[in-house]
Amino acid sequence: MRRSRLALFFRLQAKVRDVDRIELVGRRVAMLSREEAVYWLSNVSSAD
């Protein structure tokens, strides 16, 4: 259930250097529903 959010967070934070931005990404990812997290994770994963 939380794996999709964690995977999305780790994908996104890898490209960010500013600690405040990483915290912001984490807060926003935590607010996503499971479906939203899976959707965005698939978009981020397919872009690589």
PDB file of N, CA and C in Angstrom:
ATOM      1  N   MET A   1       0.821  -1.196   0.000  1.00  0.00           N
ATOM      2  CA  MET A   1       0.000   0.000   0.000  1.00  0.00           C
ATOM      3  C   MET A   1       0.864   1.258   0.000  1.00  0.00           C
ATOM      4  N   ARG A   2       1.855   1.310   0.835  1.00  0.00           N
ATOM      5  CA  ARG A   2       2.718   2.481   0.893  1.00  0.00           C
ATOM      6  C   ARG A   2       3.906   2.367  -0.040  1.00  0.00           C
ATOM      7  N   ARG A   3       4.105   1.196  -0.602  1.00  0.00           N
ATOM      8  CA  ARG A   3       5.287   0.993  -1.454  1.00  0.00           C
ATOM      9  C   ARG A   3       5.306   1.905  -2.660  1.00  0.00           C
ATOM     10  N   SER A   4       4.149   2.151  -3.238  1.00  0.00           N
ATOM     11  CA  SER A   4       4.113   3.009  -4.421  1.00  0.00           C
ATOM     12  C   SER A   4       4.505   4.439  -4.059  1.00  0.00           C
ATOM     13  N   ARG A   5       4.064   4.917  -2.902  1.00  0.00           N
ATOM     14  CA  ARG A   5       4.448   6.265  -2.475  1.00  0.00           C
ATOM     15  C   ARG A   5       5.941   6.341  -2.176  1.00  0.00           C
ATOM     16  N   LEU A   6       6.469   5.329  -1.503  1.00  0.00           N
ATOM     17  CA  LEU A   6       7.902   5.319  -1.208  1.00  0.00           C
ATOM     18  C   LEU A   6       8.731   5.261  -2.484  1.00  0.00           C
ATOM     19  N   ALA A   7       8.332   4.399  -3.400  1.00  0.00           N
ATOM     20  CA  ALA A   7       9.060   4.285  -4.664  1.00  0.00           C
ATOM     21  C   ALA A   7       9.023   5.607  -5.421  1.00  0.00           C
ATOM     22  N   LEU A   8       7.866   6.237  -5.447  1.00  0.00           N
ATOM     23  CA  LEU A   8       7.737   7.530  -6.120  1.00  0.00           C
ATOM     24  C   LEU A   8       8.624   8.574  -5.443  1.00  0.00           C
ATOM     25  N   PHE A   9       8.597   8.630  -4.120  1.00  0.00           N
ATOM     26  CA  PHE A   9       9.424   9.595  -3.399  1.00  0.00           C
ATOM     27  C   PHE A   9      10.899   9.402  -3.714  1.00  0.00           C
ATOM     28  N   PHE A  10      11.386   8.163  -3.658  1.00  0.00           N
ATOM     29  CA  PHE A  10      12.803   7.925  -3.896  1.00  0.00           C
ATOM     30  C   PHE A  10      13.193   8.216  -5.338  1.00  0.00           C
ATOM     31  N   ARG A  11      12.294   7.989  -6.276  1.00  0.00           N
ATOM     32  CA  ARG A  11      12.576   8.357  -7.672  1.00  0.00           C
ATOM     33  C   ARG A  11      12.706   9.865  -7.833  1.00  0.00           C
ATOM     34  N   LEU A  12      11.789  10.592  -7.183  1.00  0.00           N
ATOM     35  CA  LEU A  12      11.770  12.042  -7.340  1.00  0.00           C
ATOM     36  C   LEU A  12      12.903  12.725  -6.585  1.00  0.00           C
ATOM     37  N   GLN A  13      13.175  12.281  -5.366  1.00  0.00           N
ATOM     38  CA  GLN A  13      14.177  12.964  -4.553  1.00  0.00           C
ATOM     39  C   GLN A  13      15.585  12.759  -5.061  1.00  0.00           C
ATOM     40  N   ALA A  14      15.808  11.749  -5.865  1.00  0.00           N
ATOM     41  CA  ALA A  14      17.154  11.477  -6.378  1.00  0.00           C
ATOM     42  C   ALA A  14      17.667  12.622  -7.255  1.00  0.00           C
ATOM     43  N   LYS A  15      16.763  13.369  -7.861  1.00  0.00           N
ATOM     44  CA  LYS A  15      17.163  14.436  -8.772  1.00  0.00           C
ATOM     45  C   LYS A  15      17.196  15.809  -8.115  1.00  0.00           C
ATOM     46  N   VAL A  16      16.822  15.881  -6.826  1.00  0.00           N
ATOM     47  CA  VAL A  16      16.718  17.161  -6.130  1.00  0.00           C
ATOM     48  C   VAL A  16      17.884  17.308  -5.164  1.00  0.00           C
ATOM     49  N   ARG A  17      18.495  18.471  -5.131  1.00  0.00           N
ATOM     50  CA  ARG A  17      19.641  18.708  -4.253  1.00  0.00           C
ATOM     51  C   ARG A  17      19.281  19.532  -3.021  1.00  0.00           C
ATOM     52  N   ASP A  18      18.271  20.366  -3.110  1.00  0.00           N
ATOM     53  CA  ASP A  18      17.876  21.246  -2.015  1.00  0.00           C
ATOM     54  C   ASP A  18      17.058  20.454  -0.985  1.00  0.00           C
ATOM     55  N   VAL A  19      17.512  20.445   0.272  1.00  0.00           N
ATOM     56  CA  VAL A  19      16.862  19.670   1.330  1.00  0.00           C
ATOM     57  C   VAL A  19      15.427  20.127   1.554  1.00  0.00           C
ATOM     58  N   ASP A  20      15.178  21.417   1.479  1.00  0.00           N
ATOM     59  CA  ASP A  20      13.818  21.922   1.669  1.00  0.00           C
ATOM     60  C   ASP A  20      12.886  21.413   0.570  1.00  0.00           C
ATOM     61  N   ARG A  21      13.385  21.324  -0.632  1.00  0.00           N
ATOM     62  CA  ARG A  21      12.580  20.805  -1.743  1.00  0.00           C
ATOM     63  C   ARG A  21      12.282  19.317  -1.557  1.00  0.00           C
ATOM     64  N   ILE A  22      13.258  18.576  -1.051  1.00  0.00           N
ATOM     65  CA  ILE A  22      13.052  17.151  -0.814  1.00  0.00           C
ATOM     66  C   ILE A  22      11.960  16.952   0.231  1.00  0.00           C
ATOM     67  N   GLU A  23      11.965  17.775   1.273  1.00  0.00           N
ATOM     68  CA  GLU A  23      10.916  17.697   2.293  1.00  0.00           C
ATOM     69  C   GLU A  23       9.552  18.004   1.683  1.00  0.00           C
ATOM     70  N   LEU A  24       9.493  19.010   0.834  1.00  0.00           N
ATOM     71  CA  LEU A  24       8.252  19.376   0.168  1.00  0.00           C
ATOM     72  C   LEU A  24       7.747  18.233  -0.713  1.00  0.00           C
ATOM     73  N   VAL A  25       8.645  17.610  -1.452  1.00  0.00           N
ATOM     74  CA  VAL A  25       8.275  16.460  -2.284  1.00  0.00           C
ATOM     75  C   VAL A  25       7.703  15.353  -1.403  1.00  0.00           C
ATOM     76  N   GLY A  26       8.355  15.088  -0.273  1.00  0.00           N
ATOM     77  CA  GLY A  26       7.880  14.049   0.640  1.00  0.00           C
ATOM     78  C   GLY A  26       6.497  14.335   1.183  1.00  0.00           C
ATOM     79  N   ARG A  27       6.254  15.578   1.558  1.00  0.00           N
ATOM     80  CA  ARG A  27       4.926  15.943   2.079  1.00  0.00           C
ATOM     81  C   ARG A  27       3.850  15.800   1.014  1.00  0.00           C
ATOM     82  N   ARG A  28       4.170  16.211  -0.191  1.00  0.00           N
ATOM     83  CA  ARG A  28       3.169  16.118  -1.268  1.00  0.00           C
ATOM     84  C   ARG A  28       2.907  14.680  -1.688  1.00  0.00           C
ATOM     85  N   VAL A  29       3.946  13.869  -1.731  1.00  0.00           N
ATOM     86  CA  VAL A  29       3.774  12.461  -2.075  1.00  0.00           C
ATOM     87  C   VAL A  29       2.958  11.753  -0.993  1.00  0.00           C
ATOM     88  N   ALA A  30       3.175  12.107   0.267  1.00  0.00           N
ATOM     89  CA  ALA A  30       2.437  11.493   1.372  1.00  0.00           C
ATOM     90  C   ALA A  30       0.942  11.792   1.293  1.00  0.00           C
ATOM     91  N   MET A  31       0.579  12.903   0.672  1.00  0.00           N
ATOM     92  CA  MET A  31      -0.826  13.282   0.556  1.00  0.00           C
ATOM     93  C   MET A  31      -1.539  12.592  -0.611  1.00  0.00           C
ATOM     94  N   LEU A  32      -0.785  11.963  -1.495  1.00  0.00           N
ATOM     95  CA  LEU A  32      -1.392  11.311  -2.650  1.00  0.00           C
ATOM     96  C   LEU A  32      -2.164  10.055  -2.229  1.00  0.00           C
ATOM     97  N   SER A  33      -3.214   9.771  -2.959  1.00  0.00           N
ATOM     98  CA  SER A  33      -3.904   8.495  -2.760  1.00  0.00           C
ATOM     99  C   SER A  33      -3.067   7.387  -3.400  1.00  0.00           C
ATOM    100  N   ARG A  34      -3.421   6.156  -3.108  1.00  0.00           N
ATOM    101  CA  ARG A  34      -2.685   5.021  -3.676  1.00  0.00           C
ATOM    102  C   ARG A  34      -2.729   5.063  -5.201  1.00  0.00           C
ATOM    103  N   GLU A  35      -3.896   5.337  -5.751  1.00  0.00           N
ATOM    104  CA  GLU A  35      -4.064   5.371  -7.201  1.00  0.00           C
ATOM    105  C   GLU A  35      -3.236   6.480  -7.837  1.00  0.00           C
ATOM    106  N   GLU A  36      -3.237   7.645  -7.205  1.00  0.00           N
ATOM    107  CA  GLU A  36      -2.440   8.761  -7.723  1.00  0.00           C
ATOM    108  C   GLU A  36      -0.951   8.434  -7.688  1.00  0.00           C
ATOM    109  N   ALA A  37      -0.509   7.826  -6.595  1.00  0.00           N
ATOM    110  CA  ALA A  37       0.901   7.474  -6.466  1.00  0.00           C
ATOM    111  C   ALA A  37       1.311   6.469  -7.536  1.00  0.00           C
ATOM    112  N   VAL A  38       0.468   5.474  -7.790  1.00  0.00           N
ATOM    113  CA  VAL A  38       0.774   4.476  -8.824  1.00  0.00           C
ATOM    114  C   VAL A  38       0.804   5.131 -10.201  1.00  0.00           C
ATOM    115  N   TYR A  39      -0.123   6.035 -10.453  1.00  0.00           N
ATOM    116  CA  TYR A  39      -0.167   6.747 -11.733  1.00  0.00           C
ATOM    117  C   TYR A  39       1.118   7.543 -11.954  1.00  0.00           C
ATOM    118  N   TRP A  40       1.519   8.347 -10.962  1.00  0.00           N
ATOM    119  CA  TRP A  40       2.710   9.169 -11.112  1.00  0.00           C
ATOM    120  C   TRP A  40       3.982   8.329 -11.139  1.00  0.00           C
ATOM    121  N   LEU A  41       4.001   7.244 -10.386  1.00  0.00           N
ATOM    122  CA  LEU A  41       5.165   6.352 -10.420  1.00  0.00           C
ATOM    123  C   LEU A  41       5.327   5.744 -11.809  1.00  0.00           C
ATOM    124  N   SER A  42       4.225   5.369 -12.439  1.00  0.00           N
ATOM    125  CA  SER A  42       4.329   4.808 -13.786  1.00  0.00           C
ATOM    126  C   SER A  42       4.800   5.866 -14.778  1.00  0.00           C
ATOM    127  N   ASN A  43       4.367   7.117 -14.606  1.00  0.00           N
ATOM    128  CA  ASN A  43       4.833   8.182 -15.492  1.00  0.00           C
ATOM    129  C   ASN A  43       6.319   8.459 -15.305  1.00  0.00           C
ATOM    130  N   VAL A  44       6.764   8.492 -14.072  1.00  0.00           N
ATOM    131  CA  VAL A  44       8.179   8.763 -13.779  1.00  0.00           C
ATOM    132  C   VAL A  44       9.033   7.586 -14.253  1.00  0.00           C
ATOM    133  N   SER A  45       8.556   6.379 -14.050  1.00  0.00           N
ATOM    134  CA  SER A  45       9.334   5.174 -14.427  1.00  0.00           C
ATOM    135  C   SER A  45       9.447   5.026 -15.942  1.00  0.00           C
ATOM    136  N   SER A  46       8.404   5.371 -16.655  1.00  0.00           N
ATOM    137  CA  SER A  46       8.439   5.214 -18.107  1.00  0.00           C
ATOM    138  C   SER A  46       9.267   6.315 -18.774  1.00  0.00           C
ATOM    139  N   ALA A  47       9.513   7.418 -18.056  1.00  0.00           N
ATOM    140  CA  ALA A  47      10.299   8.514 -18.617  1.00  0.00           C
ATOM    141  C   ALA A  47      11.806   8.204 -18.616  1.00  0.00           C
ATOM    142  N   ASP A  48      12.229   7.230 -17.811  1.00  0.00           N
ATOM    143  CA  ASP A  48      13.663   6.902 -17.712  1.00  0.00           C
ATOM    144  C   ASP A  48      14.155   6.138 -18.875  1.00  0.00           C
TER     145      ASP A  48
END
